[in-house]
Amino acid sequence: MLAHLTQTLIAWGPLGILLLAILDSSGVPVAGVFDALLIFISVQRPSVAWWCAGLAVIGSTVGNVILFTLSRRGGQQFLAKSAPAGRAARFRAWFLRYGLLTVFVPALIPIPMPMKLFVITAGVLATPMGEFVGVILLARVLRYFGEAWLGVTLGRDSATFLKTHVWQFTGSAVALFAVLYGLMVLRQRAVNQGKI
């Protein structure tokens, strides 16, 4: 059924991308990989690539806000159901230490990371909505417009490029996380010392 729904939404073109992005980011499992679909459409129909990337950003942001809001209302029970025993506590501790970086990096890098659990944790821990939306928007604009650019520029070689550079993307995610965390620590020290 989900595969049929996904195929129907793909046939709708850009509007289907919007709806698929909302479903995908709100925690509804959809058949297929959304990133690959966006690249595929960008390769097949370059004239709508940027339009699809923009709708993907909007849809993903809306979907993440839905999941974030539900987790705020459902609280601890929602997180406990979404994460195996013991994992919820680890996600909470991780989030308290690294903050919205735990949402930004998986939202930016198209590698398998448990973003849904970090979004849920952000909601449960009452992260300010404005900060959350800002982080999601920034990460998704960079990711989806980057994927559209790959599809338009490299054409059918886009998928090969992503597969052959998966470790570089992973390394980049780790390096980006380390740099942003370092900046966050330096900023917090400056705040504590009264310099900011």
N, C-alpha and C. Protein backbone atom coordinates (compact mmCIF):
# COMPACT_ATOMS: atom_id res chain seq x y z
N MET A 1 0.81 -1.20 0.00
CA MET A 1 0.00 0.00 0.00
C MET A 1 0.85 1.27 0.00
N LEU A 2 1.91 1.28 0.87
CA LEU A 2 2.79 2.45 0.91
C LEU A 2 3.53 2.63 -0.41
N ALA A 3 3.92 1.52 -1.03
CA ALA A 3 4.60 1.61 -2.32
C ALA A 3 3.66 2.21 -3.36
N HIS A 4 2.40 1.82 -3.34
CA HIS A 4 1.42 2.36 -4.28
C HIS A 4 1.20 3.86 -4.03
N LEU A 5 1.09 4.24 -2.76
CA LEU A 5 0.93 5.65 -2.40
C LEU A 5 2.12 6.47 -2.89
N THR A 6 3.32 5.94 -2.68
CA THR A 6 4.53 6.64 -3.11
C THR A 6 4.53 6.84 -4.62
N GLN A 7 4.19 5.77 -5.37
CA GLN A 7 4.17 5.87 -6.83
C GLN A 7 3.13 6.88 -7.31
N THR A 8 1.99 6.92 -6.63
CA THR A 8 0.95 7.90 -6.98
C THR A 8 1.46 9.31 -6.77
N LEU A 9 2.11 9.55 -5.62
CA LEU A 9 2.63 10.89 -5.32
C LEU A 9 3.74 11.30 -6.28
N ILE A 10 4.56 10.34 -6.68
CA ILE A 10 5.62 10.64 -7.66
C ILE A 10 4.99 11.08 -8.98
N ALA A 11 3.90 10.41 -9.37
CA ALA A 11 3.23 10.75 -10.62
C ALA A 11 2.64 12.16 -10.58
N TRP A 12 2.36 12.67 -9.41
CA TRP A 12 1.82 14.03 -9.28
C TRP A 12 2.87 15.10 -9.52
N GLY A 13 4.14 14.71 -9.66
CA GLY A 13 5.20 15.68 -9.92
C GLY A 13 5.55 16.51 -8.70
N PRO A 14 5.77 17.83 -8.87
CA PRO A 14 6.18 18.67 -7.75
C PRO A 14 5.24 18.63 -6.55
N LEU A 15 3.92 18.58 -6.79
CA LEU A 15 2.98 18.49 -5.68
C LEU A 15 3.17 17.18 -4.92
N GLY A 16 3.45 16.12 -5.64
CA GLY A 16 3.72 14.83 -5.01
C GLY A 16 4.98 14.89 -4.15
N ILE A 17 6.00 15.61 -4.63
CA ILE A 17 7.24 15.79 -3.85
C ILE A 17 6.91 16.48 -2.53
N LEU A 18 6.09 17.53 -2.59
CA LEU A 18 5.70 18.25 -1.38
C LEU A 18 5.03 17.31 -0.38
N LEU A 19 4.04 16.56 -0.84
CA LEU A 19 3.30 15.66 0.05
C LEU A 19 4.17 14.52 0.57
N LEU A 20 5.03 13.99 -0.30
CA LEU A 20 5.93 12.92 0.10
C LEU A 20 6.93 13.42 1.15
N ALA A 21 7.42 14.64 1.00
CA ALA A 21 8.35 15.22 1.98
C ALA A 21 7.66 15.40 3.33
N ILE A 22 6.41 15.84 3.31
CA ILE A 22 5.66 15.99 4.57
C ILE A 22 5.52 14.64 5.27
N LEU A 23 5.08 13.63 4.51
CA LEU A 23 4.91 12.29 5.08
C LEU A 23 6.22 11.72 5.60
N ASP A 24 7.26 11.82 4.79
CA ASP A 24 8.57 11.26 5.14
C ASP A 24 9.11 11.89 6.42
N SER A 25 9.00 13.20 6.55
CA SER A 25 9.57 13.90 7.70
C SER A 25 8.70 13.84 8.95
N SER A 26 7.43 13.54 8.77
CA SER A 26 6.55 13.46 9.94
C SER A 26 6.54 12.08 10.58
N GLY A 27 7.34 11.17 10.03
CA GLY A 27 7.47 9.85 10.63
C GLY A 27 6.67 8.76 9.96
N VAL A 28 5.93 9.09 8.88
CA VAL A 28 5.19 8.08 8.15
C VAL A 28 6.16 7.37 7.21
N PRO A 29 6.31 6.05 7.34
CA PRO A 29 7.26 5.37 6.46
C PRO A 29 6.76 5.35 5.01
N VAL A 30 7.56 5.88 4.12
CA VAL A 30 7.21 5.86 2.70
C VAL A 30 8.16 4.93 1.97
N ALA A 31 7.67 4.34 0.91
CA ALA A 31 8.49 3.40 0.15
C ALA A 31 9.55 4.16 -0.64
N GLY A 32 10.77 3.67 -0.61
CA GLY A 32 11.84 4.30 -1.39
C GLY A 32 12.60 5.33 -0.57
N VAL A 33 13.62 5.88 -1.19
CA VAL A 33 14.48 6.88 -0.55
C VAL A 33 14.16 8.23 -1.15
N PHE A 34 13.78 9.17 -0.33
CA PHE A 34 13.35 10.47 -0.80
C PHE A 34 14.47 11.21 -1.55
N ASP A 35 15.70 11.15 -1.04
CA ASP A 35 16.82 11.85 -1.68
C ASP A 35 17.05 11.34 -3.10
N ALA A 36 17.00 10.02 -3.25
CA ALA A 36 17.20 9.43 -4.57
C ALA A 36 16.10 9.87 -5.53
N LEU A 37 14.89 9.98 -5.02
CA LEU A 37 13.76 10.42 -5.83
C LEU A 37 13.96 11.86 -6.31
N LEU A 38 14.39 12.73 -5.41
CA LEU A 38 14.62 14.13 -5.78
C LEU A 38 15.71 14.24 -6.85
N ILE A 39 16.78 13.48 -6.69
CA ILE A 39 17.85 13.49 -7.69
C ILE A 39 17.33 12.94 -9.02
N PHE A 40 16.57 11.85 -8.96
CA PHE A 40 16.03 11.24 -10.17
C PHE A 40 15.17 12.24 -10.94
N ILE A 41 14.28 12.94 -10.24
CA ILE A 41 13.43 13.94 -10.90
C ILE A 41 14.28 15.06 -11.48
N SER A 42 15.33 15.47 -10.76
CA SER A 42 16.22 16.53 -11.25
C SER A 42 16.94 16.10 -12.51
N VAL A 43 17.29 14.82 -12.60
CA VAL A 43 17.94 14.28 -13.80
C VAL A 43 16.95 14.22 -14.96
N GLN A 44 15.77 13.70 -14.69
CA GLN A 44 14.76 13.49 -15.73
C GLN A 44 14.12 14.79 -16.22
N ARG A 45 13.89 15.71 -15.28
CA ARG A 45 13.18 16.96 -15.61
C ARG A 45 13.90 18.16 -15.00
N PRO A 46 15.05 18.54 -15.55
CA PRO A 46 15.82 19.66 -14.98
C PRO A 46 15.03 20.96 -14.86
N SER A 47 14.02 21.13 -15.71
CA SER A 47 13.24 22.38 -15.68
C SER A 47 12.44 22.54 -14.38
N VAL A 48 12.15 21.42 -13.69
CA VAL A 48 11.39 21.53 -12.43
C VAL A 48 12.24 21.18 -11.21
N ALA A 49 13.54 20.97 -11.41
CA ALA A 49 14.42 20.54 -10.31
C ALA A 49 14.40 21.52 -9.14
N TRP A 50 14.55 22.81 -9.44
CA TRP A 50 14.63 23.81 -8.36
C TRP A 50 13.28 23.97 -7.68
N TRP A 51 12.22 23.89 -8.45
CA TRP A 51 10.87 23.95 -7.91
C TRP A 51 10.64 22.77 -6.96
N CYS A 52 11.07 21.58 -7.37
CA CYS A 52 10.92 20.39 -6.53
C CYS A 52 11.77 20.50 -5.26
N ALA A 53 12.98 21.04 -5.39
CA ALA A 53 13.84 21.21 -4.22
C ALA A 53 13.19 22.16 -3.21
N GLY A 54 12.61 23.26 -3.70
CA GLY A 54 11.93 24.20 -2.81
C GLY A 54 10.74 23.57 -2.11
N LEU A 55 9.96 22.79 -2.86
CA LEU A 55 8.81 22.12 -2.26
C LEU A 55 9.26 21.03 -1.28
N ALA A 56 10.39 20.39 -1.57
CA ALA A 56 10.93 19.39 -0.64
C ALA A 56 11.33 20.05 0.68
N VAL A 57 11.93 21.23 0.60
CA VAL A 57 12.31 21.97 1.81
C VAL A 57 11.06 22.31 2.62
N ILE A 58 10.05 22.86 1.94
CA ILE A 58 8.81 23.24 2.62
C ILE A 58 8.14 22.00 3.24
N GLY A 59 8.01 20.94 2.45
CA GLY A 59 7.36 19.73 2.93
C GLY A 59 8.10 19.10 4.10
N SER A 60 9.42 19.05 4.01
CA SER A 60 10.21 18.46 5.08
C SER A 60 10.11 19.29 6.36
N THR A 61 10.12 20.60 6.20
CA THR A 61 9.98 21.47 7.38
C THR A 61 8.62 21.28 8.04
N VAL A 62 7.57 21.24 7.23
CA VAL A 62 6.21 21.02 7.76
C VAL A 62 6.14 19.66 8.46
N GLY A 63 6.66 18.62 7.83
CA GLY A 63 6.64 17.28 8.42
C GLY A 63 7.39 17.22 9.73
N ASN A 64 8.57 17.84 9.78
CA ASN A 64 9.35 17.85 11.01
C ASN A 64 8.65 18.63 12.12
N VAL A 65 7.98 19.73 11.75
CA VAL A 65 7.25 20.51 12.75
C VAL A 65 6.07 19.69 13.29
N ILE A 66 5.42 18.92 12.43
CA ILE A 66 4.33 18.04 12.90
C ILE A 66 4.87 17.04 13.92
N LEU A 67 5.97 16.37 13.59
CA LEU A 67 6.56 15.38 14.49
C LEU A 67 7.03 16.05 15.79
N PHE A 68 7.65 17.21 15.67
CA PHE A 68 8.13 17.99 16.82
C PHE A 68 6.96 18.35 17.75
N THR A 69 5.86 18.84 17.16
CA THR A 69 4.69 19.24 17.94
C THR A 69 4.02 18.05 18.62
N LEU A 70 3.90 16.95 17.88
CA LEU A 70 3.32 15.74 18.47
C LEU A 70 4.17 15.25 19.64
N SER A 71 5.48 15.31 19.49
CA SER A 71 6.35 14.83 20.57
C SER A 71 6.28 15.75 21.77
N ARG A 72 6.05 17.03 21.56
CA ARG A 72 5.87 17.96 22.69
C ARG A 72 4.63 17.60 23.47
N ARG A 73 3.57 17.26 22.75
CA ARG A 73 2.29 16.94 23.40
C ARG A 73 2.32 15.54 24.01
N GLY A 74 2.95 14.59 23.30
CA GLY A 74 2.99 13.21 23.79
C GLY A 74 4.06 12.98 24.82
N GLY A 75 5.05 13.86 24.83
CA GLY A 75 6.10 13.81 25.84
C GLY A 75 6.87 12.52 25.92
N GLN A 76 7.11 12.11 27.15
CA GLN A 76 7.98 10.96 27.42
C GLN A 76 7.46 9.67 26.80
N GLN A 77 6.15 9.47 26.80
CA GLN A 77 5.60 8.23 26.26
C GLN A 77 5.91 8.07 24.78
N PHE A 78 5.85 9.19 24.04
CA PHE A 78 6.13 9.17 22.61
C PHE A 78 7.58 8.76 22.35
N LEU A 79 8.50 9.32 23.14
CA LEU A 79 9.92 8.99 22.98
C LEU A 79 10.17 7.54 23.38
N ALA A 80 9.55 7.10 24.46
CA ALA A 80 9.74 5.73 24.92
C ALA A 80 9.26 4.71 23.89
N LYS A 81 8.16 5.03 23.20
CA LYS A 81 7.63 4.12 22.17
C LYS A 81 8.50 4.13 20.91
N SER A 82 9.15 5.26 20.62
CA SER A 82 9.94 5.40 19.40
C SER A 82 11.35 4.86 19.54
N ALA A 83 11.83 4.72 20.75
CA ALA A 83 13.20 4.24 20.96
C ALA A 83 13.18 3.00 21.84
N PRO A 84 14.02 2.01 21.52
CA PRO A 84 14.11 0.81 22.36
C PRO A 84 14.54 1.18 23.79
N ALA A 85 14.31 0.27 24.72
CA ALA A 85 14.64 0.52 26.12
C ALA A 85 16.09 0.97 26.28
N GLY A 86 16.29 2.01 27.06
CA GLY A 86 17.64 2.53 27.30
C GLY A 86 18.09 3.52 26.26
N ARG A 87 17.58 3.38 25.05
CA ARG A 87 18.00 4.28 23.97
C ARG A 87 17.44 5.69 24.16
N ALA A 88 16.23 5.79 24.69
CA ALA A 88 15.61 7.10 24.93
C ALA A 88 16.46 7.93 25.86
N ALA A 89 16.97 7.31 26.91
CA ALA A 89 17.83 8.04 27.87
C ALA A 89 19.11 8.49 27.20
N ARG A 90 19.67 7.66 26.33
CA ARG A 90 20.91 8.03 25.62
C ARG A 90 20.65 9.20 24.68
N PHE A 91 19.52 9.16 23.95
CA PHE A 91 19.19 10.28 23.06
C PHE A 91 19.00 11.56 23.84
N ARG A 92 18.34 11.46 24.99
CA ARG A 92 18.12 12.65 25.82
C ARG A 92 19.47 13.23 26.27
N ALA A 93 20.36 12.37 26.77
CA ALA A 93 21.67 12.85 27.24
C ALA A 93 22.47 13.44 26.08
N TRP A 94 22.43 12.79 24.94
CA TRP A 94 23.13 13.27 23.74
C TRP A 94 22.61 14.64 23.35
N PHE A 95 21.27 14.78 23.35
CA PHE A 95 20.66 16.05 22.95
C PHE A 95 20.99 17.16 23.94
N LEU A 96 20.95 16.85 25.23
CA LEU A 96 21.27 17.86 26.24
C LEU A 96 22.71 18.34 26.11
N ARG A 97 23.58 17.44 25.68
CA ARG A 97 24.98 17.84 25.53
C ARG A 97 25.23 18.61 24.23
N TYR A 98 24.65 18.14 23.12
CA TYR A 98 24.98 18.72 21.82
C TYR A 98 23.88 19.61 21.23
N GLY A 99 22.72 19.64 21.84
CA GLY A 99 21.66 20.54 21.40
C GLY A 99 21.19 20.26 19.98
N LEU A 100 20.86 21.33 19.28
CA LEU A 100 20.27 21.21 17.94
C LEU A 100 21.27 20.72 16.88
N LEU A 101 22.54 20.59 17.24
CA LEU A 101 23.49 19.96 16.31
C LEU A 101 23.06 18.54 16.00
N THR A 102 22.42 17.90 16.97
CA THR A 102 21.97 16.52 16.77
C THR A 102 20.85 16.44 15.75
N VAL A 103 20.19 17.55 15.49
CA VAL A 103 19.16 17.60 14.46
C VAL A 103 19.76 18.09 13.15
N PHE A 104 20.65 19.09 13.23
CA PHE A 104 21.20 19.72 12.03
C PHE A 104 21.99 18.74 11.15
N VAL A 105 22.90 17.99 11.75
CA VAL A 105 23.78 17.13 10.95
C VAL A 105 23.00 16.04 10.20
N PRO A 106 22.12 15.27 10.86
CA PRO A 106 21.37 14.28 10.06
C PRO A 106 20.38 14.90 9.09
N ALA A 107 19.91 16.13 9.39
CA ALA A 107 19.01 16.81 8.45
C ALA A 107 19.76 17.28 7.21
N LEU A 108 21.06 17.50 7.36
CA LEU A 108 21.88 18.00 6.26
C LEU A 108 22.48 16.90 5.40
N ILE A 109 23.01 15.88 6.01
CA ILE A 109 23.78 14.86 5.30
C ILE A 109 22.89 13.68 4.92
N PRO A 110 22.86 13.32 3.62
CA PRO A 110 21.99 12.21 3.18
C PRO A 110 22.58 10.83 3.44
N ILE A 111 22.87 10.56 4.72
CA ILE A 111 23.30 9.22 5.11
C ILE A 111 22.34 8.74 6.19
N PRO A 112 22.16 7.43 6.33
CA PRO A 112 21.19 6.93 7.32
C PRO A 112 21.57 7.32 8.75
N MET A 113 20.79 8.19 9.34
CA MET A 113 20.97 8.59 10.73
C MET A 113 19.58 8.67 11.36
N PRO A 114 19.47 8.41 12.65
CA PRO A 114 18.14 8.37 13.29
C PRO A 114 17.57 9.76 13.57
N MET A 115 17.35 10.55 12.53
CA MET A 115 16.90 11.92 12.73
C MET A 115 15.57 12.01 13.47
N LYS A 116 14.66 11.09 13.18
CA LYS A 116 13.34 11.12 13.81
C LYS A 116 13.44 11.16 15.32
N LEU A 117 14.33 10.34 15.90
CA LEU A 117 14.46 10.30 17.35
C LEU A 117 15.02 11.61 17.91
N PHE A 118 15.89 12.27 17.15
CA PHE A 118 16.41 13.56 17.62
C PHE A 118 15.34 14.65 17.55
N VAL A 119 14.50 14.58 16.53
CA VAL A 119 13.39 15.53 16.42
C VAL A 119 12.42 15.32 17.58
N ILE A 120 12.11 14.07 17.88
CA ILE A 120 11.23 13.75 19.00
C ILE A 120 11.84 14.25 20.31
N THR A 121 13.14 14.01 20.48
CA THR A 121 13.81 14.45 21.70
C THR A 121 13.78 15.97 21.82
N ALA A 122 13.97 16.67 20.70
CA ALA A 122 13.91 18.14 20.72
C ALA A 122 12.53 18.60 21.19
N GLY A 123 11.48 17.93 20.75
CA GLY A 123 10.13 18.29 21.18
C GLY A 123 9.90 17.98 22.64
N VAL A 124 10.32 16.79 23.07
CA VAL A 124 10.13 16.37 24.46
C VAL A 124 10.85 17.33 25.41
N LEU A 125 12.03 17.79 25.02
CA LEU A 125 12.83 18.67 25.89
C LEU A 125 12.49 20.15 25.70
N ALA A 126 11.37 20.41 25.02
CA ALA A 126 10.83 21.78 24.89
C ALA A 126 11.83 22.76 24.25
N THR A 127 12.49 22.33 23.21
CA THR A 127 13.35 23.22 22.43
C THR A 127 12.48 24.33 21.84
N PRO A 128 12.97 25.58 21.84
CA PRO A 128 12.16 26.65 21.24
C PRO A 128 11.85 26.36 19.76
N MET A 129 10.60 26.53 19.39
CA MET A 129 10.13 26.23 18.03
C MET A 129 10.92 27.00 16.98
N GLY A 130 11.17 28.29 17.20
CA GLY A 130 11.89 29.11 16.23
C GLY A 130 13.28 28.58 15.93
N GLU A 131 14.00 28.18 16.97
CA GLU A 131 15.35 27.63 16.78
C GLU A 131 15.28 26.32 16.01
N PHE A 132 14.32 25.48 16.37
CA PHE A 132 14.17 24.19 15.70
C PHE A 132 13.90 24.38 14.22
N VAL A 133 12.93 25.24 13.90
CA VAL A 133 12.56 25.48 12.49
C VAL A 133 13.75 26.08 11.73
N GLY A 134 14.48 26.99 12.34
CA GLY A 134 15.65 27.59 11.69
C GLY A 134 16.70 26.56 11.32
N VAL A 135 16.96 25.63 12.24
CA VAL A 135 17.95 24.57 11.99
C VAL A 135 17.48 23.66 10.86
N ILE A 136 16.21 23.26 10.89
CA ILE A 136 15.67 22.38 9.85
C ILE A 136 15.73 23.08 8.49
N LEU A 137 15.30 24.33 8.43
CA LEU A 137 15.30 25.07 7.16
C LEU A 137 16.70 25.17 6.57
N LEU A 138 17.67 25.57 7.39
CA LEU A 138 19.04 25.71 6.90
C LEU A 138 19.57 24.39 6.35
N ALA A 139 19.40 23.32 7.14
CA ALA A 139 19.91 22.01 6.72
C ALA A 139 19.22 21.51 5.46
N ARG A 140 17.91 21.65 5.39
CA ARG A 140 17.17 21.13 4.25
C ARG A 140 17.41 21.95 2.98
N VAL A 141 17.56 23.26 3.10
CA VAL A 141 17.88 24.07 1.91
C VAL A 141 19.21 23.62 1.33
N LEU A 142 20.23 23.47 2.18
CA LEU A 142 21.53 23.02 1.69
C LEU A 142 21.46 21.62 1.08
N ARG A 143 20.74 20.73 1.74
CA ARG A 143 20.67 19.33 1.26
C ARG A 143 19.88 19.20 -0.03
N TYR A 144 18.65 19.70 -0.05
CA TYR A 144 17.79 19.44 -1.20
C TYR A 144 18.18 20.26 -2.43
N PHE A 145 18.60 21.49 -2.24
CA PHE A 145 19.06 22.25 -3.40
C PHE A 145 20.40 21.71 -3.90
N GLY A 146 21.21 21.17 -2.99
CA GLY A 146 22.46 20.50 -3.40
C GLY A 146 22.18 19.26 -4.22
N GLU A 147 21.18 18.49 -3.82
CA GLU A 147 20.82 17.29 -4.58
C GLU A 147 20.22 17.65 -5.94
N ALA A 148 19.41 18.71 -5.97
CA ALA A 148 18.87 19.15 -7.27
C ALA A 148 20.01 19.60 -8.18
N TRP A 149 20.98 20.32 -7.61
CA TRP A 149 22.13 20.77 -8.41
C TRP A 149 22.90 19.56 -8.96
N LEU A 150 23.09 18.54 -8.10
CA LEU A 150 23.78 17.32 -8.57
C LEU A 150 23.03 16.70 -9.74
N GLY A 151 21.72 16.56 -9.60
CA GLY A 151 20.93 15.95 -10.67
C GLY A 151 20.99 16.72 -11.97
N VAL A 152 20.89 18.04 -11.87
CA VAL A 152 20.93 18.88 -13.07
C VAL A 152 22.33 18.88 -13.68
N THR A 153 23.36 18.94 -12.84
CA THR A 153 24.74 19.07 -13.32
C THR A 153 25.34 17.74 -13.80
N LEU A 154 25.19 16.70 -12.98
CA LEU A 154 25.83 15.41 -13.32
C LEU A 154 24.91 14.46 -14.06
N GLY A 155 23.64 14.74 -14.08
CA GLY A 155 22.70 13.86 -14.77
C GLY A 155 22.69 12.47 -14.19
N ARG A 156 22.76 11.47 -15.05
CA ARG A 156 22.68 10.07 -14.59
C ARG A 156 23.87 9.64 -13.75
N ASP A 157 24.94 10.40 -13.75
CA ASP A 157 26.11 10.07 -12.94
C ASP A 157 25.94 10.47 -11.48
N SER A 158 24.84 11.14 -11.13
CA SER A 158 24.62 11.62 -9.76
C SER A 158 24.60 10.49 -8.75
N ALA A 159 23.86 9.42 -9.05
CA ALA A 159 23.76 8.30 -8.12
C ALA A 159 25.12 7.65 -7.90
N THR A 160 25.88 7.48 -8.98
CA THR A 160 27.23 6.91 -8.86
C THR A 160 28.11 7.80 -8.01
N PHE A 161 28.02 9.11 -8.22
CA PHE A 161 28.79 10.07 -7.45
C PHE A 161 28.49 9.93 -5.95
N LEU A 162 27.23 9.85 -5.61
CA LEU A 162 26.85 9.74 -4.20
C LEU A 162 27.32 8.42 -3.60
N LYS A 163 27.19 7.32 -4.36
CA LYS A 163 27.61 6.01 -3.85
C LYS A 163 29.12 5.95 -3.64
N THR A 164 29.88 6.51 -4.58
CA THR A 164 31.33 6.42 -4.48
C THR A 164 31.92 7.41 -3.46
N HIS A 165 31.11 8.37 -3.03
CA HIS A 165 31.61 9.35 -2.07
C HIS A 165 30.92 9.26 -0.71
N VAL A 166 30.30 8.12 -0.39
CA VAL A 166 29.55 7.98 0.86
C VAL A 166 30.46 8.19 2.08
N TRP A 167 31.71 7.69 2.02
CA TRP A 167 32.60 7.85 3.17
C TRP A 167 33.05 9.30 3.32
N GLN A 168 33.19 10.00 2.20
CA GLN A 168 33.53 11.43 2.29
C GLN A 168 32.38 12.20 2.93
N PHE A 169 31.14 11.85 2.58
CA PHE A 169 29.99 12.50 3.20
C PHE A 169 29.95 12.20 4.70
N THR A 170 30.22 10.95 5.06
CA THR A 170 30.24 10.58 6.47
C THR A 170 31.32 11.34 7.21
N GLY A 171 32.52 11.38 6.63
CA GLY A 171 33.62 12.13 7.24
C GLY A 171 33.30 13.62 7.36
N SER A 172 32.65 14.15 6.33
CA SER A 172 32.26 15.56 6.36
C SER A 172 31.25 15.81 7.47
N ALA A 173 30.32 14.87 7.66
CA ALA A 173 29.32 15.02 8.72
C ALA A 173 29.99 15.05 10.09
N VAL A 174 30.94 14.14 10.30
CA VAL A 174 31.66 14.09 11.58
C VAL A 174 32.48 15.37 11.78
N ALA A 175 33.19 15.81 10.73
CA ALA A 175 33.99 17.02 10.83
C ALA A 175 33.12 18.24 11.08
N LEU A 176 32.01 18.34 10.36
CA LEU A 176 31.09 19.46 10.55
C LEU A 176 30.54 19.47 11.97
N PHE A 177 30.18 18.30 12.47
CA PHE A 177 29.67 18.20 13.84
C PHE A 177 30.73 18.69 14.83
N ALA A 178 31.98 18.25 14.64
CA ALA A 178 33.06 18.64 15.55
C ALA A 178 33.29 20.15 15.52
N VAL A 179 33.32 20.74 14.32
CA VAL A 179 33.55 22.18 14.20
C VAL A 179 32.41 22.96 14.85
N LEU A 180 31.18 22.58 14.54
CA LEU A 180 30.03 23.29 15.11
C LEU A 180 29.97 23.12 16.62
N TYR A 181 30.30 21.94 17.10
CA TYR A 181 30.31 21.72 18.55
C TYR A 181 31.40 22.57 19.20
N GLY A 182 32.58 22.64 18.57
CA GLY A 182 33.65 23.48 19.10
C GLY A 182 33.23 24.95 19.17
N LEU A 183 32.58 25.43 18.12
CA LEU A 183 32.09 26.81 18.13
C LEU A 183 31.04 27.03 19.22
N MET A 184 30.20 26.02 19.41
CA MET A 184 29.17 26.11 20.44
C MET A 184 29.81 26.19 21.83
N VAL A 185 30.84 25.38 22.07
CA VAL A 185 31.53 25.38 23.37
C VAL A 185 32.22 26.72 23.59
N LEU A 186 32.90 27.25 22.56
CA LEU A 186 33.57 28.54 22.69
C LEU A 186 32.58 29.66 22.97
N ARG A 187 31.44 29.61 22.30
CA ARG A 187 30.41 30.63 22.53
C ARG A 187 29.88 30.55 23.95
N GLN A 188 29.65 29.33 24.43
CA GLN A 188 29.13 29.16 25.79
C GLN A 188 30.14 29.66 26.82
N ARG A 189 31.43 29.41 26.58
CA ARG A 189 32.47 29.91 27.50
C ARG A 189 32.49 31.43 27.52
N ALA A 190 32.35 32.03 26.33
CA ALA A 190 32.33 33.50 26.26
C ALA A 190 31.12 34.08 27.00
N VAL A 191 29.97 33.38 26.87
CA VAL A 191 28.77 33.82 27.59
C VAL A 191 28.99 33.71 29.09
N ASN A 192 29.58 32.59 29.52
CA ASN A 192 29.83 32.38 30.94
C ASN A 192 30.81 33.40 31.52
N GLN A 193 31.74 33.87 30.69
CA GLN A 193 32.72 34.85 31.14
C GLN A 193 32.23 36.28 30.95
N GLY A 194 31.01 36.42 30.43
CA GLY A 194 30.43 37.74 30.27
C GLY A 194 30.92 38.54 29.08
N LYS A 195 31.56 37.85 28.11
CA LYS A 195 32.07 38.54 26.93
C LYS A 195 31.01 38.73 25.86
N ILE A 196 29.93 37.97 25.95
CA ILE A 196 28.84 38.11 24.98
C ILE A 196 27.58 38.53 25.72
